[in-house]
Amino acid sequence: MPEKTLPAVHDGFMKPHEAARELGCGERWLRDGANHRGFPHHRLGKFLQFSRQDRDAIRVLCRVPARGMRAESRRRPQSTAKPVHSAT
């Protein structure tokens, strides 16, 4: 009886260097995040892999929200220089 083989399912899994390129970060930073900072990932045997959902979750985890400028910081500061008087 022939042995059954399972079809290879890629399902958006990427190796660390591929995922880092897509995320716009360094591979070492991504590996450290998976190993030490709790980034979502998969271990397939000894290999580290990142699914599409893992990469989306990392984007959300590392998002830095925009900060609006406070009203008082938008105004130009008043000059503290003393006015120059002309001699008459």
N, C-alpha and C. Protein backbone atom coordinates (compact mmCIF):
# COMPACT_ATOMS: atom_id res chain seq x y z
N MET A 1 0.84 -1.18 0.00
CA MET A 1 0.00 0.00 0.00
C MET A 1 0.89 1.25 0.00
N PRO A 2 0.67 2.18 -0.94
CA PRO A 2 1.52 3.37 -1.00
C PRO A 2 1.27 4.28 0.20
N GLU A 3 2.33 4.94 0.61
CA GLU A 3 2.26 5.84 1.76
C GLU A 3 1.57 7.15 1.35
N LYS A 4 0.66 7.62 2.18
CA LYS A 4 -0.04 8.88 1.88
C LYS A 4 0.87 10.06 2.22
N THR A 5 0.86 11.02 1.35
CA THR A 5 1.61 12.25 1.62
C THR A 5 0.63 13.39 1.73
N LEU A 6 0.88 14.23 2.68
CA LEU A 6 0.03 15.39 2.89
C LEU A 6 0.47 16.52 1.97
N PRO A 7 -0.48 17.27 1.44
CA PRO A 7 -0.08 18.40 0.59
C PRO A 7 0.60 19.46 1.44
N ALA A 8 1.58 20.11 0.86
CA ALA A 8 2.28 21.19 1.57
C ALA A 8 1.35 22.40 1.65
N VAL A 9 1.11 22.84 2.87
CA VAL A 9 0.24 23.99 3.09
C VAL A 9 1.11 25.15 3.56
N HIS A 10 1.17 26.19 2.77
CA HIS A 10 2.00 27.33 3.13
C HIS A 10 1.25 28.26 4.06
N ASP A 11 0.01 28.59 3.73
CA ASP A 11 -0.87 29.43 4.55
C ASP A 11 -0.21 30.69 5.09
N GLY A 12 0.66 31.30 4.31
CA GLY A 12 1.22 32.58 4.71
C GLY A 12 2.32 32.50 5.73
N PHE A 13 2.88 31.33 6.02
CA PHE A 13 3.98 31.24 6.96
C PHE A 13 5.25 31.76 6.31
N MET A 14 6.03 32.50 7.11
CA MET A 14 7.29 33.05 6.60
C MET A 14 8.41 32.75 7.58
N LYS A 15 9.59 32.62 7.03
CA LYS A 15 10.80 32.49 7.85
C LYS A 15 11.10 33.86 8.45
N PRO A 16 11.91 33.90 9.52
CA PRO A 16 12.18 35.19 10.17
C PRO A 16 12.73 36.26 9.24
N HIS A 17 13.64 35.91 8.32
CA HIS A 17 14.20 36.96 7.44
C HIS A 17 13.14 37.48 6.47
N GLU A 18 12.21 36.63 6.06
CA GLU A 18 11.14 37.08 5.16
C GLU A 18 10.15 37.97 5.91
N ALA A 19 9.77 37.54 7.11
CA ALA A 19 8.83 38.32 7.92
C ALA A 19 9.43 39.67 8.31
N ALA A 20 10.72 39.68 8.63
CA ALA A 20 11.38 40.94 8.99
C ALA A 20 11.37 41.91 7.82
N ARG A 21 11.61 41.40 6.62
CA ARG A 21 11.58 42.25 5.44
C ARG A 21 10.19 42.84 5.24
N GLU A 22 9.16 42.00 5.42
CA GLU A 22 7.78 42.48 5.25
C GLU A 22 7.42 43.51 6.31
N LEU A 23 7.84 43.28 7.55
CA LEU A 23 7.51 44.19 8.66
C LEU A 23 8.38 45.44 8.67
N GLY A 24 9.49 45.41 7.95
CA GLY A 24 10.38 46.57 7.93
C GLY A 24 11.23 46.67 9.19
N CYS A 25 11.66 45.53 9.71
CA CYS A 25 12.48 45.52 10.91
C CYS A 25 13.66 44.58 10.68
N GLY A 26 14.51 44.47 11.66
CA GLY A 26 15.64 43.57 11.57
C GLY A 26 15.26 42.16 11.99
N GLU A 27 15.92 41.19 11.40
CA GLU A 27 15.64 39.79 11.75
C GLU A 27 15.97 39.52 13.21
N ARG A 28 17.08 40.07 13.71
CA ARG A 28 17.47 39.84 15.11
C ARG A 28 16.41 40.39 16.06
N TRP A 29 15.88 41.58 15.76
CA TRP A 29 14.84 42.20 16.60
C TRP A 29 13.60 41.31 16.63
N LEU A 30 13.23 40.77 15.47
CA LEU A 30 12.06 39.92 15.38
C LEU A 30 12.27 38.61 16.14
N ARG A 31 13.43 38.00 15.99
CA ARG A 31 13.74 36.76 16.72
C ARG A 31 13.75 37.01 18.23
N ASP A 32 14.38 38.11 18.65
CA ASP A 32 14.40 38.44 20.08
C ASP A 32 12.99 38.67 20.61
N GLY A 33 12.15 39.31 19.81
CA GLY A 33 10.76 39.53 20.22
C GLY A 33 10.01 38.22 20.40
N ALA A 34 10.25 37.28 19.51
CA ALA A 34 9.59 35.97 19.63
C ALA A 34 10.15 35.19 20.81
N ASN A 35 11.44 35.27 21.04
CA ASN A 35 12.07 34.47 22.09
C ASN A 35 11.94 35.08 23.48
N HIS A 36 11.90 36.42 23.58
CA HIS A 36 11.97 37.05 24.90
C HIS A 36 10.84 38.03 25.22
N ARG A 37 10.16 38.56 24.21
CA ARG A 37 9.16 39.61 24.48
C ARG A 37 7.74 39.18 24.17
N GLY A 38 7.53 37.92 23.86
CA GLY A 38 6.17 37.42 23.69
C GLY A 38 5.52 37.68 22.35
N PHE A 39 6.30 37.97 21.30
CA PHE A 39 5.70 38.12 19.98
C PHE A 39 5.07 36.79 19.57
N PRO A 40 3.91 36.82 18.97
CA PRO A 40 3.29 35.58 18.51
C PRO A 40 4.12 34.95 17.39
N HIS A 41 4.25 33.64 17.43
CA HIS A 41 5.03 32.92 16.44
C HIS A 41 4.68 31.43 16.51
N HIS A 42 5.24 30.66 15.61
CA HIS A 42 5.07 29.22 15.61
C HIS A 42 6.45 28.57 15.58
N ARG A 43 6.57 27.46 16.26
CA ARG A 43 7.78 26.65 16.18
C ARG A 43 7.40 25.37 15.46
N LEU A 44 7.97 25.19 14.30
CA LEU A 44 7.74 23.98 13.53
C LEU A 44 9.04 23.18 13.61
N GLY A 45 9.06 22.25 14.56
CA GLY A 45 10.31 21.57 14.86
C GLY A 45 11.22 22.58 15.53
N LYS A 46 12.41 22.74 15.01
CA LYS A 46 13.33 23.73 15.56
C LYS A 46 13.27 25.06 14.81
N PHE A 47 12.36 25.15 13.84
CA PHE A 47 12.28 26.33 12.99
C PHE A 47 11.24 27.32 13.48
N LEU A 48 11.63 28.57 13.49
CA LEU A 48 10.75 29.67 13.87
C LEU A 48 10.02 30.14 12.62
N GLN A 49 8.70 30.28 12.70
CA GLN A 49 7.89 30.70 11.57
C GLN A 49 6.87 31.73 12.06
N PHE A 50 6.46 32.61 11.16
CA PHE A 50 5.47 33.64 11.48
C PHE A 50 4.33 33.54 10.47
N SER A 51 3.13 33.32 10.99
CA SER A 51 1.95 33.26 10.11
C SER A 51 1.48 34.67 9.79
N ARG A 52 0.53 34.78 8.89
CA ARG A 52 -0.04 36.08 8.55
C ARG A 52 -0.65 36.72 9.79
N GLN A 53 -1.35 35.93 10.60
CA GLN A 53 -1.97 36.45 11.82
C GLN A 53 -0.90 36.89 12.83
N ASP A 54 0.19 36.14 12.91
CA ASP A 54 1.29 36.53 13.81
C ASP A 54 1.86 37.89 13.41
N ARG A 55 2.10 38.07 12.13
CA ARG A 55 2.67 39.34 11.65
C ARG A 55 1.71 40.50 11.88
N ASP A 56 0.42 40.26 11.67
CA ASP A 56 -0.57 41.32 11.94
C ASP A 56 -0.59 41.68 13.42
N ALA A 57 -0.51 40.65 14.29
CA ALA A 57 -0.52 40.90 15.73
C ALA A 57 0.74 41.66 16.16
N ILE A 58 1.88 41.36 15.57
CA ILE A 58 3.12 42.08 15.90
C ILE A 58 2.99 43.54 15.50
N ARG A 59 2.37 43.81 14.36
CA ARG A 59 2.14 45.21 13.94
C ARG A 59 1.30 45.94 14.99
N VAL A 60 0.26 45.29 15.48
CA VAL A 60 -0.62 45.91 16.48
C VAL A 60 0.14 46.11 17.80
N LEU A 61 0.90 45.10 18.22
CA LEU A 61 1.64 45.19 19.48
C LEU A 61 2.66 46.32 19.47
N CYS A 62 3.27 46.57 18.32
CA CYS A 62 4.37 47.53 18.24
C CYS A 62 3.94 48.89 17.70
N ARG A 63 2.65 49.07 17.52
CA ARG A 63 2.16 50.34 17.00
C ARG A 63 2.38 51.44 18.02
N VAL A 64 2.88 52.54 17.55
CA VAL A 64 3.06 53.72 18.39
C VAL A 64 2.04 54.74 17.93
N PRO A 65 1.06 55.07 18.79
CA PRO A 65 0.03 56.01 18.36
C PRO A 65 0.61 57.41 18.16
N ALA A 66 0.01 58.13 17.22
CA ALA A 66 0.44 59.50 16.95
C ALA A 66 0.07 60.38 18.14
N ARG A 67 0.93 61.31 18.42
CA ARG A 67 0.64 62.25 19.51
C ARG A 67 0.37 63.61 18.89
N GLY A 68 -0.75 64.19 19.25
CA GLY A 68 -1.06 65.54 18.78
C GLY A 68 -0.28 66.55 19.60
N MET A 69 -0.04 67.69 19.00
CA MET A 69 0.66 68.74 19.74
C MET A 69 -0.31 69.41 20.69
N ARG A 70 0.15 69.73 21.85
CA ARG A 70 -0.69 70.45 22.81
C ARG A 70 -0.87 71.88 22.33
N ALA A 71 -1.98 72.49 22.72
CA ALA A 71 -2.31 73.84 22.24
C ALA A 71 -1.22 74.84 22.57
N GLU A 72 -0.65 74.79 23.77
CA GLU A 72 0.35 75.80 24.14
C GLU A 72 1.67 75.60 23.40
N SER A 73 1.95 74.39 22.93
CA SER A 73 3.21 74.19 22.23
C SER A 73 3.11 74.60 20.76
N ARG A 74 1.91 74.87 20.28
CA ARG A 74 1.75 75.29 18.89
C ARG A 74 2.07 76.77 18.70
N ARG A 75 1.86 77.55 19.76
CA ARG A 75 2.12 78.98 19.65
C ARG A 75 3.61 79.25 19.66
N ARG A 76 3.99 80.29 18.93
CA ARG A 76 5.40 80.69 18.96
C ARG A 76 5.69 81.31 20.32
N PRO A 77 6.82 80.99 20.87
CA PRO A 77 7.16 81.59 22.17
C PRO A 77 7.36 83.09 22.04
N GLN A 78 6.96 83.80 23.07
CA GLN A 78 7.15 85.25 23.11
C GLN A 78 8.64 85.55 23.24
N SER A 79 9.08 86.56 22.57
CA SER A 79 10.48 86.95 22.65
C SER A 79 10.74 87.55 24.03
N THR A 80 11.81 87.13 24.64
CA THR A 80 12.17 87.67 25.96
C THR A 80 13.23 88.76 25.86
N ALA A 81 13.63 89.09 24.64
CA ALA A 81 14.63 90.15 24.44
C ALA A 81 13.99 91.51 24.72
N LYS A 82 14.76 92.38 25.32
CA LYS A 82 14.27 93.74 25.59
C LYS A 82 14.28 94.54 24.30
N PRO A 83 13.29 95.40 24.12
CA PRO A 83 13.28 96.21 22.90
C PRO A 83 14.45 97.17 22.87
N VAL A 84 14.97 97.42 21.70
CA VAL A 84 16.11 98.32 21.53
C VAL A 84 15.55 99.71 21.26
N HIS A 85 15.98 100.67 22.10
CA HIS A 85 15.55 102.06 21.93
C HIS A 85 16.61 102.83 21.16
N SER A 86 16.19 103.63 20.25
CA SER A 86 17.16 104.43 19.50
C SER A 86 17.52 105.68 20.32
N ALA A 87 18.74 106.11 20.19
CA ALA A 87 19.21 107.30 20.90
C ALA A 87 18.76 108.55 20.15
N THR A 88 18.14 109.51 20.84
CA THR A 88 17.71 110.75 20.18
C THR A 88 18.43 111.93 20.70
